[in-house]
């Protein structure tokens, strides 16, 4: 009886509630999307994408994409970067600070090492600021920026 009472209190037998009534848009232009980030000050959503199947013919999908609405149509634009050549993003996070938008990305390099890359976002372009490395980045998965110079990182399996 106690167990059944707790299940009822926790809502196990409650009817599902439909909470979202928005529209969905399909933007199927690339493979390997990993994470999404946005900030209230921007009309864009950034998507990290990395080809991890070993198929070299679709490595052009690897990078950061900007999802933006133009003339009522949602499109994804691959963002050029001035950053590292060996860039394979996974988790990303964005934050606005002092009039700039910063995007942080977990980078899984081809040699098996990992880093966090920091960029300034300007339109559809990413300006690389700094690369963070540390022995504690064993298998970084996701990140959350809390300021322009501070973030949290999760290590997969740790």
Protein backbone atom coordinates (compact mmCIF):
# COMPACT_ATOMS: atom_id res chain seq x y z
CA UNK A 1 0.00 0.00 0.00
CA UNK A 2 2.84 2.40 0.85
CA UNK A 3 4.53 1.76 -2.50
CA UNK A 4 1.27 2.27 -4.43
CA UNK A 5 0.58 5.48 -2.48
CA UNK A 6 4.05 6.84 -3.41
CA UNK A 7 3.54 5.94 -7.08
CA UNK A 8 0.27 7.90 -7.13
CA UNK A 9 1.90 10.89 -5.38
CA UNK A 10 4.74 10.88 -7.92
CA UNK A 11 2.25 11.01 -10.78
CA UNK A 12 2.91 7.58 -12.22
CA UNK A 13 -0.76 7.15 -13.16
CA UNK A 14 -1.34 10.76 -14.26
CA UNK A 15 -2.47 11.49 -17.79
CA UNK A 16 0.22 13.05 -20.02
CA UNK A 17 -0.14 16.79 -20.53
CA UNK A 18 0.55 18.37 -23.88
CA UNK A 19 2.67 21.42 -23.07
CA UNK A 20 4.24 22.47 -26.37
CA UNK A 21 2.11 23.81 -29.21
CA UNK A 22 4.74 25.37 -31.45
CA UNK A 23 5.83 24.56 -34.97
CA UNK A 24 8.58 22.18 -35.99
CA UNK A 25 10.82 22.76 -38.98
CA UNK A 26 13.01 20.16 -40.66
CA UNK A 27 16.45 21.40 -41.66
CA UNK A 28 18.08 18.25 -43.00
CA UNK A 29 21.23 19.48 -44.67
CA UNK A 30 23.97 17.64 -42.80
CA UNK A 31 24.76 14.58 -40.70
CA UNK A 32 26.23 14.32 -37.24
CA UNK A 33 24.50 17.10 -35.25
CA UNK A 34 25.74 16.89 -31.66
CA UNK A 35 24.51 19.89 -29.66
CA UNK A 36 22.59 23.18 -29.84
CA UNK A 37 23.23 26.56 -28.23
CA UNK A 38 21.60 29.99 -28.31
CA UNK A 39 21.48 33.25 -26.39
CA UNK A 40 18.51 35.62 -26.00
CA UNK A 41 20.43 38.47 -27.67
CA UNK A 42 20.68 36.58 -30.98
CA UNK A 43 18.16 35.38 -33.55
CA UNK A 44 20.34 32.34 -34.25
CA UNK A 45 20.79 28.83 -32.97
CA UNK A 46 24.22 27.24 -33.29
CA UNK A 47 24.62 23.53 -34.00
CA UNK A 48 27.79 21.51 -33.53
CA UNK A 49 28.22 18.75 -36.07
CA UNK A 50 30.96 16.17 -36.37
CA UNK A 51 31.22 13.17 -38.66
CA UNK A 52 32.28 10.30 -36.40
CA UNK A 53 31.68 7.30 -38.66
CA UNK A 54 35.04 7.59 -40.41
CA UNK A 55 33.51 8.43 -43.78
CA UNK A 56 35.90 11.03 -45.14
CA UNK A 57 33.51 11.95 -47.97
CA UNK A 58 31.21 13.79 -45.53
CA UNK A 59 33.79 15.53 -43.34
CA UNK A 60 32.62 18.85 -44.80
CA UNK A 61 29.69 18.54 -42.37
CA UNK A 62 32.05 18.82 -39.40
CA UNK A 63 31.96 22.25 -37.79
CA UNK A 64 29.59 24.80 -36.29
CA UNK A 65 26.43 25.67 -38.17
CA UNK A 66 24.25 28.73 -37.70
CA UNK A 67 20.52 28.08 -37.95
CA UNK A 68 18.71 31.26 -38.95
CA UNK A 69 15.35 32.23 -40.39
CA UNK A 70 15.59 34.12 -43.66
CA UNK A 71 12.43 35.18 -45.50
CA UNK A 72 10.34 32.72 -43.51
CA UNK A 73 12.61 29.76 -44.28
CA UNK A 74 14.96 28.18 -41.75
CA UNK A 75 18.41 27.49 -43.19
CA UNK A 76 21.65 26.17 -41.77
CA UNK A 77 24.86 27.95 -42.75
CA UNK A 78 28.25 26.40 -41.99
CA UNK A 79 30.25 29.01 -40.11
CA UNK A 80 33.78 29.71 -41.27
CA UNK A 81 36.30 29.85 -38.43
CA UNK A 82 39.80 31.21 -38.08
CA UNK A 83 40.49 28.56 -35.45
CA UNK A 84 42.23 25.21 -35.29
CA UNK A 85 42.43 23.09 -38.45
CA UNK A 86 41.80 19.93 -36.40
CA UNK A 87 38.32 20.93 -35.21
CA UNK A 88 35.69 18.28 -34.43
CA UNK A 89 33.10 19.89 -32.14
CA UNK A 90 30.88 18.05 -29.71
CA UNK A 91 29.19 19.89 -26.82
CA UNK A 92 28.75 23.65 -27.23
CA UNK A 93 27.57 26.55 -25.09
CA UNK A 94 27.06 30.25 -25.82
CA UNK A 95 26.90 33.29 -23.56
CA UNK A 96 26.56 37.02 -24.07
CA UNK A 97 28.95 39.24 -22.11
CA UNK A 98 29.79 42.94 -22.48
CA UNK A 99 28.18 43.16 -25.93
CA UNK A 100 29.92 40.07 -27.34
CA UNK A 101 28.58 36.58 -27.91
CA UNK A 102 31.03 33.84 -26.97
CA UNK A 103 30.70 30.26 -28.18
CA UNK A 104 32.61 27.47 -26.45
CA UNK A 105 33.05 24.07 -28.10
CA UNK A 106 34.41 20.73 -26.92
CA UNK A 107 36.95 19.67 -29.55
CA UNK A 108 37.77 15.98 -30.07
CA UNK A 109 40.99 16.08 -32.07
CA UNK A 110 41.99 13.34 -34.49
CA UNK A 111 44.98 12.37 -32.32
CA UNK A 112 42.63 11.46 -29.45
CA UNK A 113 43.30 14.52 -27.30
CA UNK A 114 40.63 17.01 -26.30
CA UNK A 115 40.34 20.73 -25.84
CA UNK A 116 37.80 23.49 -25.32
CA UNK A 117 37.79 26.16 -28.02
CA UNK A 118 36.53 29.69 -27.33
CA UNK A 119 35.18 31.86 -30.15
CA UNK A 120 33.57 35.27 -30.56
CA UNK A 121 30.51 35.10 -32.79
CA UNK A 122 30.16 37.82 -35.45
CA UNK A 123 27.25 37.13 -37.79
CA UNK A 124 28.01 33.88 -39.61
CA UNK A 125 31.70 33.90 -38.61
CA UNK A 126 33.58 32.50 -35.58
CA UNK A 127 36.73 34.29 -34.42
CA UNK A 128 38.94 31.93 -32.41
CA UNK A 129 40.08 33.40 -29.08
CA UNK A 130 41.83 30.67 -27.12
CA UNK A 131 42.29 26.91 -26.75
CA UNK A 132 41.92 25.42 -23.27
CA UNK A 133 43.63 22.09 -22.51
CA UNK A 134 44.01 20.20 -19.26
CA UNK A 135 44.71 16.63 -18.14
CA UNK A 136 41.25 16.65 -16.54
CA UNK A 137 39.70 16.75 -20.05
CA UNK A 138 39.69 12.95 -20.37
CA UNK A 139 36.47 12.55 -22.38
CA UNK A 140 34.66 15.90 -22.38
CA UNK A 141 31.08 15.66 -23.54
CA UNK A 142 29.16 18.83 -22.78
CA UNK A 143 29.88 22.30 -21.48
CA UNK A 144 27.95 25.20 -19.96
CA UNK A 145 29.38 28.71 -20.07
CA UNK A 146 28.63 30.78 -16.96
CA UNK A 147 30.67 33.81 -18.01
CA UNK A 148 33.00 34.83 -20.82
CA UNK A 149 35.88 33.17 -18.95
CA UNK A 150 34.27 30.42 -16.87
CA UNK A 151 32.53 27.19 -17.79
CA UNK A 152 31.54 23.76 -16.54
CA UNK A 153 32.63 20.62 -18.39
CA UNK A 154 31.26 17.09 -18.09
CA UNK A 155 33.52 14.11 -18.80
CA UNK A 156 31.75 11.14 -20.34
CA UNK A 157 31.85 8.12 -18.08
CA UNK A 158 33.51 9.98 -15.20
